[in-house]
Amino acid sequence: MREQDFALREFFGERRQELISHIPHAVELGMTVEKAGPCQALLRIPQGARLLGAASRGVVFGGVITTLLDQVGGTAVMCSQRELTSIATIDMRIDYMRPSTPGRDLLGHAQCYRLTRNVAFVKSRAFHEGEIDDPFAISLSTYMLASNPATPGVVKALEASYRVKRS
């Protein structure tokens, strides 16, 4: 597909927070969109003591990594659609390769490598800055498309953002 075929093409690029700012859990974790583009996304969670599951060892709670991988995967799916529809995670397999390094930001990159009429297939990885080829976790996920007849949250958020910017 050509870039102009993607529904979110206007929001491709760096620092496009509009893509996740409507998701309370992402906001609570301080998650940011580093970059979004056709069929892919890169998100960041800044390091912080509240992310630790074993504070004495500095190990990040596994749920934070799961959230990062699920959110970056969902964002990649949204960046893959010709027409935006709601999505829901069907299945997610995560392999934890090693502990993340204490005190470092967490990055997640995902690529939607196949999009059918009903299901999106995504590969994701969690890593530290400069270490994309040495992830501490990898994931394969599937997402259901058009899982809910309601308007997708990202559409509502983008419409609200657009109205504010035009005023």
Protein backbone atom coordinates (compact mmCIF):
# COMPACT_ATOMS: atom_id res chain seq x y z
CA MET A 1 0.00 0.00 0.00
CA ARG A 2 1.06 3.55 -0.58
CA GLU A 3 1.32 5.91 2.39
CA GLN A 4 -1.72 7.89 1.22
CA ASP A 5 -3.80 4.69 1.54
CA PHE A 6 -3.50 4.62 5.35
CA ALA A 7 -6.26 6.16 7.46
CA LEU A 8 -3.79 7.65 9.99
CA ARG A 9 -1.28 8.96 7.42
CA GLU A 10 -1.64 12.53 8.74
CA PHE A 11 -0.40 11.29 12.10
CA PHE A 12 2.70 9.46 10.89
CA GLY A 13 5.97 10.88 12.14
CA GLU A 14 7.66 11.57 15.44
CA ARG A 15 6.06 12.55 18.74
CA ARG A 16 2.45 11.92 17.64
CA GLN A 17 0.99 11.64 21.14
CA GLU A 18 -2.54 11.96 19.76
CA LEU A 19 -2.38 8.28 18.86
CA ILE A 20 -2.37 7.12 22.50
CA SER A 21 -3.33 10.15 24.63
CA HIS A 22 -6.90 8.82 25.03
CA ILE A 23 -5.72 5.62 26.75
CA PRO A 24 -5.62 6.12 30.54
CA HIS A 25 -3.16 3.30 31.24
CA ALA A 26 -0.71 4.67 28.64
CA VAL A 27 -1.01 8.13 30.17
CA GLU A 28 -0.50 6.76 33.70
CA LEU A 29 2.72 5.02 32.63
CA GLY A 30 4.00 8.18 30.91
CA MET A 31 4.06 6.34 27.58
CA THR A 32 5.02 8.42 24.55
CA VAL A 33 4.89 7.86 20.82
CA GLU A 34 8.44 8.15 19.53
CA LYS A 35 7.47 7.43 15.93
CA ALA A 36 4.53 6.09 13.94
CA GLY A 37 4.43 5.09 10.30
CA PRO A 38 2.86 2.67 7.86
CA CYS A 39 2.23 -0.63 9.70
CA GLN A 40 4.58 0.19 12.58
CA ALA A 41 5.03 2.15 15.78
CA LEU A 42 7.72 2.91 18.35
CA LEU A 43 6.69 3.79 21.93
CA ARG A 44 8.65 4.68 25.07
CA ILE A 45 8.00 4.35 28.80
CA PRO A 46 10.38 6.47 30.88
CA GLN A 47 12.16 4.66 33.69
CA GLY A 48 10.86 5.22 37.17
CA ALA A 49 10.68 3.62 40.61
CA ARG A 50 6.93 3.05 40.31
CA LEU A 51 7.56 0.59 37.45
CA LEU A 52 9.58 -1.76 39.61
CA GLY A 53 8.23 -5.15 40.64
CA ALA A 54 11.30 -6.02 42.71
CA ALA A 55 12.55 -2.65 43.91
CA SER A 56 15.54 -4.13 45.74
CA ARG A 57 16.83 -5.58 42.45
CA GLY A 58 15.58 -2.77 40.19
CA VAL A 59 13.59 -5.21 38.03
CA VAL A 60 10.67 -3.76 36.06
CA PHE A 61 7.29 -5.34 36.77
CA GLY A 62 6.38 -7.73 33.93
CA GLY A 63 2.94 -6.14 33.56
CA VAL A 64 4.57 -2.90 32.43
CA ILE A 65 6.41 -4.74 29.66
CA THR A 66 3.21 -6.55 28.68
CA THR A 67 1.37 -3.24 28.52
CA LEU A 68 4.11 -1.69 26.38
CA LEU A 69 4.09 -4.60 23.92
CA ASP A 70 0.28 -4.69 23.70
CA GLN A 71 0.00 -0.92 23.24
CA VAL A 72 2.74 -0.69 20.60
CA GLY A 73 1.17 -3.66 18.78
CA GLY A 74 -2.26 -2.06 18.81
CA THR A 75 -0.81 1.23 17.61
CA ALA A 76 0.91 -0.56 14.70
CA VAL A 77 -2.43 -2.16 13.79
CA MET A 78 -4.16 1.23 13.82
CA CYS A 79 -1.36 2.55 11.59
CA SER A 80 -2.04 -0.31 9.15
CA GLN A 81 -5.70 0.29 8.44
CA ARG A 82 -7.22 1.88 5.35
CA GLU A 83 -10.36 2.67 7.34
CA LEU A 84 -10.18 2.86 11.12
CA THR A 85 -12.06 0.23 13.04
CA SER A 86 -11.94 -0.75 16.67
CA ILE A 87 -9.47 -3.47 17.63
CA ALA A 88 -9.11 -5.95 20.48
CA THR A 89 -6.23 -8.20 21.43
CA ILE A 90 -7.07 -11.83 20.67
CA ASP A 91 -3.81 -13.47 21.65
CA MET A 92 -0.37 -12.36 22.76
CA ARG A 93 2.63 -14.55 23.36
CA ILE A 94 5.58 -12.91 25.10
CA ASP A 95 9.03 -14.40 25.48
CA TYR A 96 11.11 -12.70 28.16
CA MET A 97 14.70 -13.03 26.97
CA ARG A 98 16.36 -11.36 29.96
CA PRO A 99 15.58 -8.73 32.61
CA SER A 100 15.48 -5.14 31.48
CA THR A 101 18.37 -2.99 32.68
CA PRO A 102 17.48 -1.01 35.83
CA GLY A 103 17.24 2.76 35.43
CA ARG A 104 16.78 2.77 31.64
CA ASP A 105 13.75 3.75 29.55
CA LEU A 106 11.75 0.96 27.96
CA LEU A 107 11.16 1.10 24.20
CA GLY A 108 8.71 -0.99 22.23
CA HIS A 109 8.64 -1.41 18.47
CA ALA A 110 5.92 -3.28 16.58
CA GLN A 111 5.23 -4.13 12.98
CA CYS A 112 1.89 -5.29 11.67
CA TYR A 113 3.09 -7.80 9.08
CA ARG A 114 -0.29 -9.13 7.91
CA LEU A 115 -3.76 -7.62 7.87
CA THR A 116 -6.76 -9.73 6.87
CA ARG A 117 -10.40 -8.72 6.85
CA ASN A 118 -10.85 -9.73 10.50
CA VAL A 119 -7.43 -10.24 12.07
CA ALA A 120 -4.12 -8.36 12.27
CA PHE A 121 -0.81 -10.15 12.94
CA VAL A 122 1.95 -8.29 14.79
CA LYS A 123 5.60 -8.83 15.80
CA SER A 124 6.86 -6.67 18.68
CA ARG A 125 10.00 -6.25 20.75
CA ALA A 126 10.88 -4.44 23.96
CA PHE A 127 14.40 -3.09 24.27
CA HIS A 128 16.56 -0.21 25.50
CA GLU A 129 17.84 2.75 23.48
CA GLY A 130 20.47 1.61 20.98
CA GLU A 131 19.74 -2.08 21.60
CA ILE A 132 16.93 -2.90 19.16
CA ASP A 133 18.80 -6.05 18.09
CA ASP A 134 19.11 -7.23 21.71
CA PRO A 135 15.53 -7.12 23.03
CA PHE A 136 14.69 -8.15 26.57
CA ALA A 137 11.25 -9.34 25.41
CA ILE A 138 9.63 -10.27 22.10
CA SER A 139 6.02 -10.85 21.23
CA LEU A 140 3.76 -12.30 18.56
CA SER A 141 0.18 -11.05 18.75
CA THR A 142 -3.13 -11.16 16.95
CA TYR A 143 -5.77 -8.44 17.08
CA MET A 144 -9.42 -8.67 16.08
CA LEU A 145 -10.55 -5.93 13.71
CA ALA A 146 -13.99 -4.30 14.01
CA SER A 147 -14.33 -5.85 17.46
CA ASN A 148 -16.86 -3.25 18.55
CA PRO A 149 -19.36 -1.28 16.45
CA ALA A 150 -18.58 1.89 18.42
CA THR A 151 -16.31 4.58 17.01
CA PRO A 152 -12.68 3.70 17.89
CA GLY A 153 -11.28 5.76 20.77
CA VAL A 154 -8.42 7.01 18.62
CA VAL A 155 -10.93 8.52 16.17
CA LYS A 156 -12.69 10.40 18.96
CA ALA A 157 -9.36 11.62 20.35
CA LEU A 158 -8.09 12.74 16.95
CA GLU A 159 -11.36 14.51 16.15
CA ALA A 160 -11.21 16.35 19.49
CA SER A 161 -7.56 17.25 18.91
CA TYR A 162 -8.33 18.53 15.42
CA ARG A 163 -11.22 20.71 16.71
CA VAL A 164 -8.98 22.21 19.39
CA LYS A 165 -6.18 22.97 16.90
CA ARG A 166 -8.58 24.57 14.41
CA SER A 167 -10.15 26.90 17.01
